[in-house]
Amino acid sequence: MDKKKVLIVTQEMTPYSVASEISRITRELPQYCHENGLEMRVLMPRFGTINERRHRLHEVVRLSGMNIIVDEDDYPLIIKVASLPNARLQVYFLDNDDFFRRKSTFADSSGKPHADNADRMVFFCKGVMETIKKFGWPPNLIHCHGWMTSLIPFYLKTAYKDDTIFAKSKVVYSLYEEYAYEEKFSADTFLHKAAINDLTVDDLAAYRKEGGINLQDGASKYADGVILGSESLNGVATKKITDLGKPMLTYQGKEKDAYCGAYFDFYNNLMED
């Protein structure tokens, strides 16, 4: 019997990123799932804060060479890979000099968000979809972590819904208590950049809120299931997801075996539907 394939897409991951709720979960979860019989891969941005020599990143030439269009400009996509320490897992990094070479992630040294965060997000989400196709590795489930991944559920259910590589793919989105980077986004500009293929700004209505953008609401609308990754979200977010009629897993605490086991069961229930 073939193993189920699960892809973790994240903006952060230990040991490549600073410690956070997201980076801890995305480090522990794939190893747990791998050890319990799932075939796992991880995709994340190759931020300039990641030391390539220390973490032994190297380019995957057969996957590199694509161009990703953002706002009518072409940007080359370079794919790198590293082996996760103490785990038989590979982490793939999406790289581009314009978006990820700087020595910071989402904000500069003074805490000011980068002016091109929307472009970087669109590049990353489009790049993820094209990289999966290049893998030739049809995922049964894609689990997205962090605001930077929040267009992936939308792309999977619209622009890529007829692509055979995604024919059996379910998508889970984890909500976290994060800095609201979309507060700095111009709604019309962002939606124009995020629209791909024959999609229009109107198709992205779920991401629009009065006066701006709400990335988590949009991602939740298109996800097959939602997980609350931060304890503080057990409340308003619970009601929102319940109103959407989505399968939901509430916050499971920080104990590795407890939350990883709950996530594992949640995955399997979705993949059986």
C-alpha atoms as a PDB file:
ATOM      1  CA  MET A   1       0.000   0.000   0.000  1.00  0.00           C
ATOM      2  CA  ASP A   2       1.412   3.374  -1.028  1.00  0.00           C
ATOM      3  CA  LYS A   3       2.174   5.844   1.729  1.00  0.00           C
ATOM      4  CA  LYS A   4       0.073   9.005   1.897  1.00  0.00           C
ATOM      5  CA  LYS A   5       2.045  12.060   0.800  1.00  0.00           C
ATOM      6  CA  VAL A   6       1.872  15.191   2.974  1.00  0.00           C
ATOM      7  CA  LEU A   7       3.565  18.485   2.167  1.00  0.00           C
ATOM      8  CA  ILE A   8       4.271  21.045   4.886  1.00  0.00           C
ATOM      9  CA  VAL A   9       4.504  24.603   3.526  1.00  0.00           C
ATOM     10  CA  THR A  10       5.775  27.079   6.082  1.00  0.00           C
ATOM     11  CA  GLN A  11       7.301  30.529   6.392  1.00  0.00           C
ATOM     12  CA  GLU A  12       9.414  29.440   9.392  1.00  0.00           C
ATOM     13  CA  MET A  13      11.052  26.284  10.687  1.00  0.00           C
ATOM     14  CA  THR A  14      13.584  25.406  13.357  1.00  0.00           C
ATOM     15  CA  PRO A  15      16.619  25.319  13.009  1.00  0.00           C
ATOM     16  CA  TYR A  16      16.490  27.629   9.982  1.00  0.00           C
ATOM     17  CA  SER A  17      14.417  30.409  11.576  1.00  0.00           C
ATOM     18  CA  VAL A  18      14.188  32.153  14.928  1.00  0.00           C
ATOM     19  CA  ALA A  19      12.209  30.312  17.575  1.00  0.00           C
ATOM     20  CA  SER A  20       8.454  30.792  17.275  1.00  0.00           C
ATOM     21  CA  GLU A  21       5.220  28.839  17.596  1.00  0.00           C
ATOM     22  CA  ILE A  22       5.266  28.165  13.853  1.00  0.00           C
ATOM     23  CA  SER A  23       8.941  27.180  13.651  1.00  0.00           C
ATOM     24  CA  ARG A  24       8.610  24.735  16.566  1.00  0.00           C
ATOM     25  CA  ILE A  25       5.479  23.036  15.219  1.00  0.00           C
ATOM     26  CA  THR A  26       6.805  22.719  11.677  1.00  0.00           C
ATOM     27  CA  ARG A  27      10.006  21.147  13.001  1.00  0.00           C
ATOM     28  CA  GLU A  28       8.347  18.548  15.236  1.00  0.00           C
ATOM     29  CA  LEU A  29       5.272  17.712  13.159  1.00  0.00           C
ATOM     30  CA  PRO A  30       6.818  16.367   9.919  1.00  0.00           C
ATOM     31  CA  GLN A  31       9.240  14.130  11.792  1.00  0.00           C
ATOM     32  CA  TYR A  32       6.413  12.687  13.895  1.00  0.00           C
ATOM     33  CA  CYS A  33       4.286  12.056  10.804  1.00  0.00           C
ATOM     34  CA  HIS A  34       7.222  10.527   8.936  1.00  0.00           C
ATOM     35  CA  GLU A  35       7.963   8.185  11.831  1.00  0.00           C
ATOM     36  CA  ASN A  36       4.293   7.144  11.833  1.00  0.00           C
ATOM     37  CA  GLY A  37       4.103   6.156   8.191  1.00  0.00           C
ATOM     38  CA  LEU A  38       3.425   9.288   6.118  1.00  0.00           C
ATOM     39  CA  GLU A  39       5.696  10.414   3.299  1.00  0.00           C
ATOM     40  CA  MET A  40       6.658  13.988   4.164  1.00  0.00           C
ATOM     41  CA  ARG A  41       8.272  16.942   2.414  1.00  0.00           C
ATOM     42  CA  VAL A  42       8.719  20.554   3.529  1.00  0.00           C
ATOM     43  CA  LEU A  43       8.836  23.781   1.505  1.00  0.00           C
ATOM     44  CA  MET A  44       9.829  27.201   2.873  1.00  0.00           C
ATOM     45  CA  PRO A  45      11.426  30.487   1.722  1.00  0.00           C
ATOM     46  CA  ARG A  46      15.227  30.704   1.642  1.00  0.00           C
ATOM     47  CA  PHE A  47      15.509  33.911   3.637  1.00  0.00           C
ATOM     48  CA  GLY A  48      18.880  35.669   3.738  1.00  0.00           C
ATOM     49  CA  THR A  49      19.045  34.981   7.467  1.00  0.00           C
ATOM     50  CA  ILE A  50      19.605  31.279   6.717  1.00  0.00           C
ATOM     51  CA  ASN A  51      23.271  30.308   6.709  1.00  0.00           C
ATOM     52  CA  GLU A  52      23.652  28.056   3.675  1.00  0.00           C
ATOM     53  CA  ARG A  53      27.050  26.693   4.667  1.00  0.00           C
ATOM     54  CA  ARG A  54      26.078  25.855   8.239  1.00  0.00           C
ATOM     55  CA  HIS A  55      22.844  24.149   7.175  1.00  0.00           C
ATOM     56  CA  ARG A  56      24.377  22.564   4.062  1.00  0.00           C
ATOM     57  CA  LEU A  57      21.934  23.903   1.502  1.00  0.00           C
ATOM     58  CA  HIS A  58      22.615  23.116  -2.111  1.00  0.00           C
ATOM     59  CA  GLU A  59      20.780  23.899  -5.333  1.00  0.00           C
ATOM     60  CA  VAL A  60      18.556  21.281  -6.960  1.00  0.00           C
ATOM     61  CA  VAL A  61      19.350  22.021 -10.593  1.00  0.00           C
ATOM     62  CA  ARG A  62      16.577  19.845 -12.035  1.00  0.00           C
ATOM     63  CA  LEU A  63      13.970  21.857 -10.102  1.00  0.00           C
ATOM     64  CA  SER A  64      15.460  25.322 -10.636  1.00  0.00           C
ATOM     65  CA  GLY A  65      15.160  27.446 -13.744  1.00  0.00           C
ATOM     66  CA  MET A  66      11.488  28.409 -13.638  1.00  0.00           C
ATOM     67  CA  ASN A  67      10.318  32.003 -13.796  1.00  0.00           C
ATOM     68  CA  ILE A  68       7.449  33.229 -11.621  1.00  0.00           C
ATOM     69  CA  ILE A  69       5.397  36.228 -12.761  1.00  0.00           C
ATOM     70  CA  VAL A  70       4.503  38.837 -10.146  1.00  0.00           C
ATOM     71  CA  ASP A  71       2.732  41.991 -11.317  1.00  0.00           C
ATOM     72  CA  GLU A  72       3.764  41.287 -14.935  1.00  0.00           C
ATOM     73  CA  ASP A  73       7.475  40.949 -14.077  1.00  0.00           C
ATOM     74  CA  ASP A  74       9.411  37.669 -14.306  1.00  0.00           C
ATOM     75  CA  TYR A  75      11.497  36.489 -11.352  1.00  0.00           C
ATOM     76  CA  PRO A  76      13.740  33.399 -11.481  1.00  0.00           C
ATOM     77  CA  LEU A  77      12.961  30.673  -8.953  1.00  0.00           C
ATOM     78  CA  ILE A  78      15.887  28.743  -7.495  1.00  0.00           C
ATOM     79  CA  ILE A  79      15.238  25.587  -5.464  1.00  0.00           C
ATOM     80  CA  LYS A  80      17.659  24.483  -2.764  1.00  0.00           C
ATOM     81  CA  VAL A  81      17.527  21.538  -0.380  1.00  0.00           C
ATOM     82  CA  ALA A  82      18.932  20.488   2.974  1.00  0.00           C
ATOM     83  CA  SER A  83      18.550  17.423   5.171  1.00  0.00           C
ATOM     84  CA  LEU A  84      16.810  18.122   8.461  1.00  0.00           C
ATOM     85  CA  PRO A  85      19.199  17.348  11.338  1.00  0.00           C
ATOM     86  CA  ASN A  86      18.436  14.125  13.221  1.00  0.00           C
ATOM     87  CA  ALA A  87      15.574  13.269  10.877  1.00  0.00           C
ATOM     88  CA  ARG A  88      15.354  11.450   7.569  1.00  0.00           C
ATOM     89  CA  LEU A  89      13.600  14.386   5.949  1.00  0.00           C
ATOM     90  CA  GLN A  90      14.460  16.915   3.281  1.00  0.00           C
ATOM     91  CA  VAL A  91      13.538  20.582   3.401  1.00  0.00           C
ATOM     92  CA  TYR A  92      13.259  22.454   0.096  1.00  0.00           C
ATOM     93  CA  PHE A  93      13.899  26.200  -0.022  1.00  0.00           C
ATOM     94  CA  LEU A  94      12.462  28.631  -2.589  1.00  0.00           C
ATOM     95  CA  ASP A  95      14.989  31.343  -3.363  1.00  0.00           C
ATOM     96  CA  ASN A  96      15.183  34.544  -5.374  1.00  0.00           C
ATOM     97  CA  ASP A  97      17.723  37.350  -4.995  1.00  0.00           C
ATOM     98  CA  ASP A  98      15.176  40.169  -5.289  1.00  0.00           C
ATOM     99  CA  PHE A  99      12.878  38.819  -2.590  1.00  0.00           C
ATOM    100  CA  PHE A 100      14.916  36.700  -0.188  1.00  0.00           C
ATOM    101  CA  ARG A 101      18.582  37.704  -0.283  1.00  0.00           C
ATOM    102  CA  ARG A 102      18.250  40.501   2.337  1.00  0.00           C
ATOM    103  CA  LYS A 103      19.344  39.703   5.882  1.00  0.00           C
ATOM    104  CA  SER A 104      15.874  39.903   7.377  1.00  0.00           C
ATOM    105  CA  THR A 105      12.559  38.116   7.044  1.00  0.00           C
ATOM    106  CA  PHE A 106       9.448  40.319   7.069  1.00  0.00           C
ATOM    107  CA  ALA A 107      10.685  43.621   8.529  1.00  0.00           C
ATOM    108  CA  ASP A 108      13.876  45.693   8.634  1.00  0.00           C
ATOM    109  CA  SER A 109      16.056  46.269  11.706  1.00  0.00           C
ATOM    110  CA  SER A 110      13.749  49.051  12.916  1.00  0.00           C
ATOM    111  CA  GLY A 111      10.688  46.774  12.723  1.00  0.00           C
ATOM    112  CA  LYS A 112       9.237  48.410   9.613  1.00  0.00           C
ATOM    113  CA  PRO A 113       7.611  45.787   7.325  1.00  0.00           C
ATOM    114  CA  HIS A 114       9.275  45.421   3.942  1.00  0.00           C
ATOM    115  CA  ALA A 115       7.431  47.396   1.274  1.00  0.00           C
ATOM    116  CA  ASP A 116       7.410  44.390  -1.073  1.00  0.00           C
ATOM    117  CA  ASN A 117       6.032  41.804   1.389  1.00  0.00           C
ATOM    118  CA  ALA A 118       2.930  41.344  -0.777  1.00  0.00           C
ATOM    119  CA  ASP A 119       5.089  40.638  -3.846  1.00  0.00           C
ATOM    120  CA  ARG A 120       7.267  38.246  -1.865  1.00  0.00           C
ATOM    121  CA  MET A 121       4.198  36.377  -0.649  1.00  0.00           C
ATOM    122  CA  VAL A 122       2.685  36.074  -4.124  1.00  0.00           C
ATOM    123  CA  PHE A 123       6.033  34.882  -5.508  1.00  0.00           C
ATOM    124  CA  PHE A 124       6.352  32.271  -2.772  1.00  0.00           C
ATOM    125  CA  CYS A 125       2.800  30.909  -3.094  1.00  0.00           C
ATOM    126  CA  LYS A 126       2.967  30.728  -6.897  1.00  0.00           C
ATOM    127  CA  GLY A 127       6.424  29.189  -6.611  1.00  0.00           C
ATOM    128  CA  VAL A 128       5.154  26.496  -4.237  1.00  0.00           C
ATOM    129  CA  MET A 129       2.456  25.412  -6.690  1.00  0.00           C
ATOM    130  CA  GLU A 130       4.879  25.239  -9.603  1.00  0.00           C
ATOM    131  CA  THR A 131       7.513  23.441  -7.534  1.00  0.00           C
ATOM    132  CA  ILE A 132       5.014  20.738  -6.561  1.00  0.00           C
ATOM    133  CA  LYS A 133       4.295  20.221 -10.253  1.00  0.00           C
ATOM    134  CA  LYS A 134       8.018  20.037 -10.988  1.00  0.00           C
ATOM    135  CA  PHE A 135       8.430  17.431  -8.218  1.00  0.00           C
ATOM    136  CA  GLY A 136       5.965  15.143  -9.994  1.00  0.00           C
ATOM    137  CA  TRP A 137       4.937  14.223  -6.459  1.00  0.00           C
ATOM    138  CA  PRO A 138       1.119  14.417  -6.027  1.00  0.00           C
ATOM    139  CA  PRO A 139       0.403  15.358  -2.397  1.00  0.00           C
ATOM    140  CA  ASN A 140      -2.620  13.877  -0.679  1.00  0.00           C
ATOM    141  CA  LEU A 141      -2.557  16.825   1.695  1.00  0.00           C
ATOM    142  CA  ILE A 142      -0.866  20.231   1.862  1.00  0.00           C
ATOM    143  CA  HIS A 143      -0.604  21.881   5.283  1.00  0.00           C
ATOM    144  CA  CYS A 144       0.077  25.640   5.234  1.00  0.00           C
ATOM    145  CA  HIS A 145       1.599  27.517   8.176  1.00  0.00           C
ATOM    146  CA  GLY A 146       1.780  31.314   8.418  1.00  0.00           C
ATOM    147  CA  TRP A 147       0.383  34.344   6.597  1.00  0.00           C
ATOM    148  CA  MET A 148       2.946  34.006   3.803  1.00  0.00           C
ATOM    149  CA  THR A 149       1.318  30.719   2.712  1.00  0.00           C
ATOM    150  CA  SER A 150      -2.277  31.968   2.772  1.00  0.00           C
ATOM    151  CA  LEU A 151      -2.841  32.142  -0.990  1.00  0.00           C
ATOM    152  CA  ILE A 152      -2.081  28.452  -1.479  1.00  0.00           C
ATOM    153  CA  PRO A 153      -5.578  27.169  -0.504  1.00  0.00           C
ATOM    154  CA  PHE A 154      -7.077  29.635  -2.987  1.00  0.00           C
ATOM    155  CA  TYR A 155      -4.715  28.667  -5.812  1.00  0.00           C
ATOM    156  CA  LEU A 156      -5.282  24.955  -5.170  1.00  0.00           C
ATOM    157  CA  LYS A 157      -9.075  25.288  -5.368  1.00  0.00           C
ATOM    158  CA  THR A 158      -9.171  27.650  -8.363  1.00  0.00           C
ATOM    159  CA  ALA A 159      -6.245  28.087 -10.766  1.00  0.00           C
ATOM    160  CA  TYR A 160      -4.863  24.552 -10.191  1.00  0.00           C
ATOM    161  CA  LYS A 161      -8.075  22.618  -9.516  1.00  0.00           C
ATOM    162  CA  ASP A 162      -7.966  20.794 -12.877  1.00  0.00           C
ATOM    163  CA  ASP A 163      -4.256  19.946 -12.698  1.00  0.00           C
ATOM    164  CA  THR A 164      -3.839  16.166 -12.377  1.00  0.00           C
ATOM    165  CA  ILE A 165      -0.989  16.509  -9.836  1.00  0.00           C
ATOM    166  CA  PHE A 166      -3.495  18.040  -7.382  1.00  0.00           C
ATOM    167  CA  ALA A 167      -6.448  15.767  -8.212  1.00  0.00           C
ATOM    168  CA  LYS A 168      -6.470  14.151  -4.749  1.00  0.00           C
ATOM    169  CA  SER A 169      -4.997  17.025  -2.749  1.00  0.00           C
ATOM    170  CA  LYS A 170      -6.670  18.362   0.377  1.00  0.00           C
ATOM    171  CA  VAL A 171      -5.392  21.539   2.018  1.00  0.00           C
ATOM    172  CA  VAL A 172      -5.197  22.439   5.704  1.00  0.00           C
ATOM    173  CA  TYR A 173      -4.500  25.953   6.943  1.00  0.00           C
ATOM    174  CA  SER A 174      -3.153  26.631  10.446  1.00  0.00           C
ATOM    175  CA  LEU A 175      -4.158  29.900  12.077  1.00  0.00           C
ATOM    176  CA  TYR A 176      -1.645  31.592  14.369  1.00  0.00           C
ATOM    177  CA  GLU A 177      -1.546  34.787  16.358  1.00  0.00           C
ATOM    178  CA  GLU A 178       0.762  36.736  14.035  1.00  0.00           C
ATOM    179  CA  TYR A 179       1.663  40.312  13.259  1.00  0.00           C
ATOM    180  CA  ALA A 180      -0.906  41.455  10.686  1.00  0.00           C
ATOM    181  CA  TYR A 181       1.412  42.271   7.785  1.00  0.00           C
ATOM    182  CA  GLU A 182      -1.570  42.656   5.458  1.00  0.00           C
ATOM    183  CA  GLU A 183      -2.471  45.862   7.301  1.00  0.00           C
ATOM    184  CA  LYS A 184       0.203  47.499   5.148  1.00  0.00           C
ATOM    185  CA  PHE A 185      -1.164  46.034   1.901  1.00  0.00           C
ATOM    186  CA  SER A 186      -3.130  48.099  -0.571  1.00  0.00           C
ATOM    187  CA  ALA A 187      -6.200  45.931  -1.155  1.00  0.00           C
ATOM    188  CA  ASP A 188      -6.657  46.572  -4.868  1.00  0.00           C
ATOM    189  CA  THR A 189      -2.927  46.347  -5.619  1.00  0.00           C
ATOM    190  CA  PHE A 190      -2.534  43.118  -3.662  1.00  0.00           C
ATOM    191  CA  LEU A 191      -5.559  41.436  -5.210  1.00  0.00           C
ATOM    192  CA  HIS A 192      -4.384  42.396  -8.695  1.00  0.00           C
ATOM    193  CA  LYS A 193      -0.968  40.842  -8.020  1.00  0.00           C
ATOM    194  CA  ALA A 194      -2.456  37.716  -6.443  1.00  0.00           C
ATOM    195  CA  ALA A 195      -4.787  36.957  -9.369  1.00  0.00           C
ATOM    196  CA  ILE A 196      -3.253  34.428 -11.787  1.00  0.00           C
ATOM    197  CA  ASN A 197      -4.216  32.745 -15.051  1.00  0.00           C
ATOM    198  CA  ASP A 198      -7.812  33.715 -15.862  1.00  0.00           C
ATOM    199  CA  LEU A 199      -8.670  34.682 -12.288  1.00  0.00           C
ATOM    200  CA  THR A 200      -9.771  38.209 -11.455  1.00  0.00           C
ATOM    201  CA  VAL A 201      -9.748  40.460  -8.419  1.00  0.00           C
ATOM    202  CA  ASP A 202     -13.379  39.476  -7.822  1.00  0.00           C
ATOM    203  CA  ASP A 203     -12.349  35.828  -7.443  1.00  0.00           C
ATOM    204  CA  LEU A 204     -10.299  36.868  -4.409  1.00  0.00           C
ATOM    205  CA  ALA A 205     -13.253  38.476  -2.613  1.00  0.00           C
ATOM    206  CA  ALA A 206     -12.800  36.163   0.395  1.00  0.00           C
ATOM    207  CA  TYR A 207      -9.489  37.915   1.138  1.00  0.00           C
ATOM    208  CA  ARG A 208     -11.010  41.386   1.163  1.00  0.00           C
ATOM    209  CA  LYS A 209     -12.312  43.055   4.290  1.00  0.00           C
ATOM    210  CA  GLU A 210     -13.677  46.545   4.745  1.00  0.00           C
ATOM    211  CA  GLY A 211     -10.777  48.888   4.096  1.00  0.00           C
ATOM    212  CA  GLY A 212      -8.181  46.210   3.453  1.00  0.00           C
ATOM    213  CA  ILE A 213      -7.143  42.547   3.382  1.00  0.00           C
ATOM    214  CA  ASN A 214      -7.641  39.604   5.751  1.00  0.00           C
ATOM    215  CA  LEU A 215      -5.357  36.766   4.703  1.00  0.00           C
ATOM    216  CA  GLN A 216      -6.474  34.283   7.352  1.00  0.00           C
ATOM    217  CA  ASP A 217     -10.162  34.652   6.465  1.00  0.00           C
ATOM    218  CA  GLY A 218      -9.394  34.092   2.786  1.00  0.00           C
ATOM    219  CA  ALA A 219      -7.238  31.032   3.421  1.00  0.00           C
ATOM    220  CA  SER A 220      -9.818  29.548   5.792  1.00  0.00           C
ATOM    221  CA  LYS A 221     -12.562  29.949   3.191  1.00  0.00           C
ATOM    222  CA  TYR A 222     -10.682  27.774   0.676  1.00  0.00           C
ATOM    223  CA  ALA A 223      -9.116  25.247   3.078  1.00  0.00           C
ATOM    224  CA  ASP A 224     -10.561  21.754   3.535  1.00  0.00           C
ATOM    225  CA  GLY A 225      -9.721  21.943   7.234  1.00  0.00           C
ATOM    226  CA  VAL A 226      -8.436  24.525   9.710  1.00  0.00           C
ATOM    227  CA  ILE A 227      -6.190  24.096  12.757  1.00  0.00           C
ATOM    228  CA  LEU A 228      -5.847  26.662  15.538  1.00  0.00           C
ATOM    229  CA  GLY A 229      -2.125  26.824  16.247  1.00  0.00           C
ATOM    230  CA  SER A 230      -2.249  29.497  18.978  1.00  0.00           C
ATOM    231  CA  GLU A 231      -4.109  29.199  22.266  1.00  0.00           C
ATOM    232  CA  SER A 232      -5.373  32.791  22.054  1.00  0.00           C
ATOM    233  CA  LEU A 233      -7.440  31.914  18.964  1.00  0.00           C
ATOM    234  CA  ASN A 234      -9.781  29.574  20.859  1.00  0.00           C
ATOM    235  CA  GLY A 235     -12.709  31.992  20.812  1.00  0.00           C
ATOM    236  CA  VAL A 236     -13.474  34.372  17.962  1.00  0.00           C
ATOM    237  CA  ALA A 237     -11.572  32.242  15.442  1.00  0.00           C
ATOM    238  CA  THR A 238     -13.431  29.119  16.592  1.00  0.00           C
ATOM    239  CA  LYS A 239     -16.773  30.753  15.844  1.00  0.00           C
ATOM    240  CA  LYS A 240     -15.581  31.988  12.435  1.00  0.00           C
ATOM    241  CA  ILE A 241     -14.442  28.528  11.345  1.00  0.00           C
ATOM    242  CA  THR A 242     -17.575  26.904  12.736  1.00  0.00           C
ATOM    243  CA  ASP A 243     -19.679  29.364  10.726  1.00  0.00           C
ATOM    244  CA  LEU A 244     -17.759  28.334   7.595  1.00  0.00           C
ATOM    245  CA  GLY A 245     -18.700  24.709   8.250  1.00  0.00           C
ATOM    246  CA  LYS A 246     -15.081  23.563   8.021  1.00  0.00           C
ATOM    247  CA  PRO A 247     -13.549  20.633   9.888  1.00  0.00           C
ATOM    248  CA  MET A 248     -11.552  22.264  12.688  1.00  0.00           C
ATOM    249  CA  LEU A 249      -8.969  21.221  15.240  1.00  0.00           C
ATOM    250  CA  THR A 250      -8.709  23.522  18.250  1.00  0.00           C
ATOM    251  CA  TYR A 251      -5.458  24.392  19.995  1.00  0.00           C
ATOM    252  CA  GLN A 252      -3.809  21.206  21.311  1.00  0.00           C
ATOM    253  CA  GLY A 253      -1.124  22.606  23.602  1.00  0.00           C
ATOM    254  CA  LYS A 254       2.674  22.401  23.340  1.00  0.00           C
ATOM    255  CA  GLU A 255       3.237  18.758  24.271  1.00  0.00           C
ATOM    256  CA  LYS A 256       4.747  17.241  21.133  1.00  0.00           C
ATOM    257  CA  ASP A 257       3.117  13.802  21.186  1.00  0.00           C
ATOM    258  CA  ALA A 258      -0.292  15.253  22.079  1.00  0.00           C
ATOM    259  CA  TYR A 259      -0.574  17.880  19.356  1.00  0.00           C
ATOM    260  CA  CYS A 260       1.328  15.880  16.728  1.00  0.00           C
ATOM    261  CA  GLY A 261      -0.934  12.897  17.345  1.00  0.00           C
ATOM    262  CA  ALA A 262      -4.036  15.080  17.020  1.00  0.00           C
ATOM    263  CA  TYR A 263      -2.737  16.637  13.788  1.00  0.00           C
ATOM    264  CA  PHE A 264      -1.887  13.168  12.431  1.00  0.00           C
ATOM    265  CA  ASP A 265      -5.434  11.937  13.090  1.00  0.00           C
ATOM    266  CA  PHE A 266      -6.886  15.123  11.589  1.00  0.00           C
ATOM    267  CA  TYR A 267      -4.838  14.559   8.421  1.00  0.00           C
ATOM    268  CA  ASN A 268      -5.963  10.968   8.064  1.00  0.00           C
ATOM    269  CA  ASN A 269      -9.632  11.814   8.569  1.00  0.00           C
ATOM    270  CA  LEU A 270      -9.437  14.453   5.812  1.00  0.00           C
ATOM    271  CA  MET A 271      -7.538  12.189   3.435  1.00  0.00           C
ATOM    272  CA  GLU A 272     -10.154   9.451   3.849  1.00  0.00           C
ATOM    273  CA  ASP A 273     -13.037  11.728   2.773  1.00  0.00           C
END
